C-alpha atoms as a PDB file:
ATOM      1  CA  MET A   1      -0.647  -3.041   4.855  1.00  0.00           C
ATOM      2  CA  ASP A   2       2.516  -0.958   4.868  1.00  0.00           C
ATOM      3  CA  VAL A   3       5.556  -1.416   2.627  1.00  0.00           C
ATOM      4  CA  LYS A   4       7.448  -3.476   5.230  1.00  0.00           C
ATOM      5  CA  GLU A   5       4.597  -5.978   5.459  1.00  0.00           C
ATOM      6  CA  PHE A   6       4.247  -5.989   1.656  1.00  0.00           C
ATOM      7  CA  VAL A   7       7.914  -6.855   1.058  1.00  0.00           C
ATOM      8  CA  SER A   8       7.673  -9.651   3.635  1.00  0.00           C
ATOM      9  CA  TYR A   9       5.834 -11.560   0.858  1.00  0.00           C
ATOM     10  CA  LEU A  10       8.846 -11.136  -1.475  1.00  0.00           C
ATOM     11  CA  ARG A  11      12.484 -12.181  -1.708  1.00  0.00           C
ATOM     12  CA  VAL A  12      14.254  -8.918  -0.904  1.00  0.00           C
ATOM     13  CA  ALA A  13      17.654  -8.469  -2.587  1.00  0.00           C
ATOM     14  CA  LYS A  14      18.414  -4.955  -1.285  1.00  0.00           C
ATOM     15  CA  GLY A  15      16.820  -2.418   0.945  1.00  0.00           C
ATOM     16  CA  PRO A  16      15.503  -0.434   2.332  1.00  0.00           C
ATOM     17  CA  SER A  17      17.556   2.277   0.653  1.00  0.00           C
ATOM     18  CA  SER A  18      17.904   5.776   2.096  1.00  0.00           C
ATOM     19  CA  ASN A  19      14.585   6.720   0.437  1.00  0.00           C
ATOM     20  CA  GLY A  20      12.832   3.578   1.727  1.00  0.00           C
ATOM     21  CA  GLU A  21      12.818   1.592  -1.521  1.00  0.00           C
ATOM     22  CA  TYR A  22      13.412  -2.136  -1.820  1.00  0.00           C
ATOM     23  CA  LEU A  23      14.773  -4.179  -4.713  1.00  0.00           C
ATOM     24  CA  CYS A  24      13.160  -7.627  -4.834  1.00  0.00           C
ATOM     25  CA  LYS A  25      12.797 -10.685  -7.012  1.00  0.00           C
ATOM     26  CA  CYS A  26       9.606 -10.400  -9.042  1.00  0.00           C
ATOM     27  CA  PRO A  27       7.166 -13.240  -8.301  1.00  0.00           C
ATOM     28  CA  ALA A  28       5.366 -12.772 -11.639  1.00  0.00           C
ATOM     29  CA  HIS A  29       8.268 -14.094 -13.736  1.00  0.00           C
ATOM     30  CA  ASP A  30      11.417 -16.202 -13.357  1.00  0.00           C
ATOM     31  CA  ASP A  31      13.524 -13.392 -11.946  1.00  0.00           C
ATOM     32  CA  ARG A  32      17.181 -14.375 -11.765  1.00  0.00           C
ATOM     33  CA  THR A  33      18.250 -10.799 -11.038  1.00  0.00           C
ATOM     34  CA  ALA A  34      16.074  -8.701  -8.763  1.00  0.00           C
ATOM     35  CA  SER A  35      14.006  -6.395 -10.956  1.00  0.00           C
ATOM     36  CA  LEU A  36      11.075  -5.397  -8.756  1.00  0.00           C
ATOM     37  CA  CYS A  37      11.237  -1.972  -7.120  1.00  0.00           C
ATOM     38  CA  VAL A  38       8.926  -1.409  -4.160  1.00  0.00           C
ATOM     39  CA  GLY A  39       8.464   1.842  -2.271  1.00  0.00           C
ATOM     40  CA  THR A  40       5.946   4.168  -0.711  1.00  0.00           C
ATOM     41  CA  GLY A  41       4.316   7.077  -2.524  1.00  0.00           C
ATOM     42  CA  ALA A  42       3.962  10.537  -1.017  1.00  0.00           C
ATOM     43  CA  ASP A  43       0.310   9.737  -0.288  1.00  0.00           C
ATOM     44  CA  GLY A  44       1.147   6.487   1.532  1.00  0.00           C
ATOM     45  CA  ARG A  45       0.256   3.959  -1.166  1.00  0.00           C
ATOM     46  CA  ILE A  46       2.655   1.162  -2.023  1.00  0.00           C
ATOM     47  CA  LEU A  47       4.400   1.653  -5.368  1.00  0.00           C
ATOM     48  CA  VAL A  48       5.430  -1.427  -7.377  1.00  0.00           C
ATOM     49  CA  LYS A  49       7.460  -1.399 -10.608  1.00  0.00           C
ATOM     50  CA  CYS A  50       8.899  -4.448 -12.348  1.00  0.00           C
ATOM     51  CA  GLN A  51      11.825  -3.338 -14.512  1.00  0.00           C
ATOM     52  CA  ALA A  52      11.290  -6.432 -16.697  1.00  0.00           C
ATOM     53  CA  GLY A  53       7.829  -5.169 -17.651  1.00  0.00           C
ATOM     54  CA  CYS A  54       5.414  -7.236 -15.545  1.00  0.00           C
ATOM     55  CA  ASP A  55       2.084  -5.559 -14.896  1.00  0.00           C
ATOM     56  CA  THR A  56       1.531  -4.568 -11.259  1.00  0.00           C
ATOM     57  CA  ARG A  57      -1.711  -6.591 -11.195  1.00  0.00           C
ATOM     58  CA  ASP A  58       0.241  -9.718 -12.182  1.00  0.00           C
ATOM     59  CA  VAL A  59       2.860  -9.081  -9.487  1.00  0.00           C
ATOM     60  CA  VAL A  60       0.235  -8.579  -6.787  1.00  0.00           C
ATOM     61  CA  LYS A  61      -1.735 -11.646  -7.927  1.00  0.00           C
ATOM     62  CA  ALA A  62       1.420 -13.800  -7.892  1.00  0.00           C
ATOM     63  CA  MET A  63       1.941 -12.693  -4.284  1.00  0.00           C
ATOM     64  CA  GLY A  64      -1.564 -13.877  -3.358  1.00  0.00           C
ATOM     65  CA  LEU A  65      -2.651 -10.313  -2.583  1.00  0.00           C
ATOM     66  CA  LYS A  66      -5.199  -7.863  -3.992  1.00  0.00           C
ATOM     67  CA  MET A  67      -4.634  -4.461  -5.565  1.00  0.00           C
ATOM     68  CA  ALA A  68      -6.531  -2.971  -2.620  1.00  0.00           C
ATOM     69  CA  ASP A  69      -3.662  -4.098  -0.380  1.00  0.00           C
ATOM     70  CA  LEU A  70      -1.483  -1.449  -2.039  1.00  0.00           C
ATOM     71  CA  TYR A  71      -3.848   1.229  -0.762  1.00  0.00           C
ATOM     72  CA  SER A  72      -5.064  -0.213   2.537  1.00  0.00           C
ATOM     73  CA  ASP A  73      -3.164   2.213   4.802  1.00  0.00           C
ATOM     74  CA  LEU A  74      -4.205   5.126   2.586  1.00  0.00           C
ATOM     75  CA  ILE A  75      -7.850   4.030   2.745  1.00  0.00           C
ATOM     76  CA  LYS A  76      -7.706   3.579   6.528  1.00  0.00           C
ATOM     77  CA  ARG A  77      -6.323   7.093   6.971  1.00  0.00           C
ATOM     78  CA  ALA A  78      -8.980   8.542   4.645  1.00  0.00           C
ATOM     79  CA  VAL A  79     -11.776   6.763   6.527  1.00  0.00           C
ATOM     80  CA  ASN A  80     -10.418   7.974   9.867  1.00  0.00           C
ATOM     81  CA  ASP A  81     -10.211  11.534   8.528  1.00  0.00           C
ATOM     82  CA  LEU A  82     -13.793  11.316   7.283  1.00  0.00           C
ATOM     83  CA  GLN A  83     -15.004   9.943  10.597  1.00  0.00           C
ATOM     84  CA  ARG A  84     -13.346  12.815  12.440  1.00  0.00           C
ATOM     85  CA  THR A  85     -14.639  15.394   9.976  1.00  0.00           C
ATOM     86  CA  TYR A  86     -18.176  14.096   9.764  1.00  0.00           C
ATOM     87  CA  SER A  87     -18.656  12.723  13.231  1.00  0.00           C
ATOM     88  CA  LEU A  88     -22.165  12.963  14.523  1.00  0.00           C
ATOM     89  CA  ILE A  89     -22.738  15.596  17.167  1.00  0.00           C
ATOM     90  CA  TYR A  90     -25.865  15.296  19.190  1.00  0.00           C
ATOM     91  CA  VAL A  91     -27.001  18.160  21.315  1.00  0.00           C
ATOM     92  CA  ASP A  92     -29.616  16.599  23.546  1.00  0.00           C
ATOM     93  CA  THR A  93     -31.033  19.789  24.959  1.00  0.00           C
ATOM     94  CA  LEU A  94     -31.783  21.271  21.532  1.00  0.00           C
ATOM     95  CA  ASN A  95     -32.271  17.947  19.750  1.00  0.00           C
ATOM     96  CA  ILE A  96     -29.864  19.080  17.022  1.00  0.00           C
ATOM     97  CA  ARG A  97     -27.938  16.655  14.823  1.00  0.00           C
ATOM     98  CA  THR A  98     -24.985  17.954  12.819  1.00  0.00           C
ATOM     99  CA  PHE A  99     -23.373  15.893  10.113  1.00  0.00           C
END
């Protein structure tokens, strides 16, 4: 899940800003004024901060998502990198397997 898909579960008040952040209504409390900041970290994970003090786990749960959803693109990239790095190479003529 990327940040655009993530914010599709929220009521967006503003955004994206020039740095890609969104200001949304927090689903974990009765948010009359948008207090939830959502963006993307340098490593690709989704960053969530409720300015009213809600815990990120509570925000994600109220959205019907899992904490792993914040990292899914990061995990996919890591798995792809590992698969490329540690792909199996079979050399039939020498019967060599490199991991």
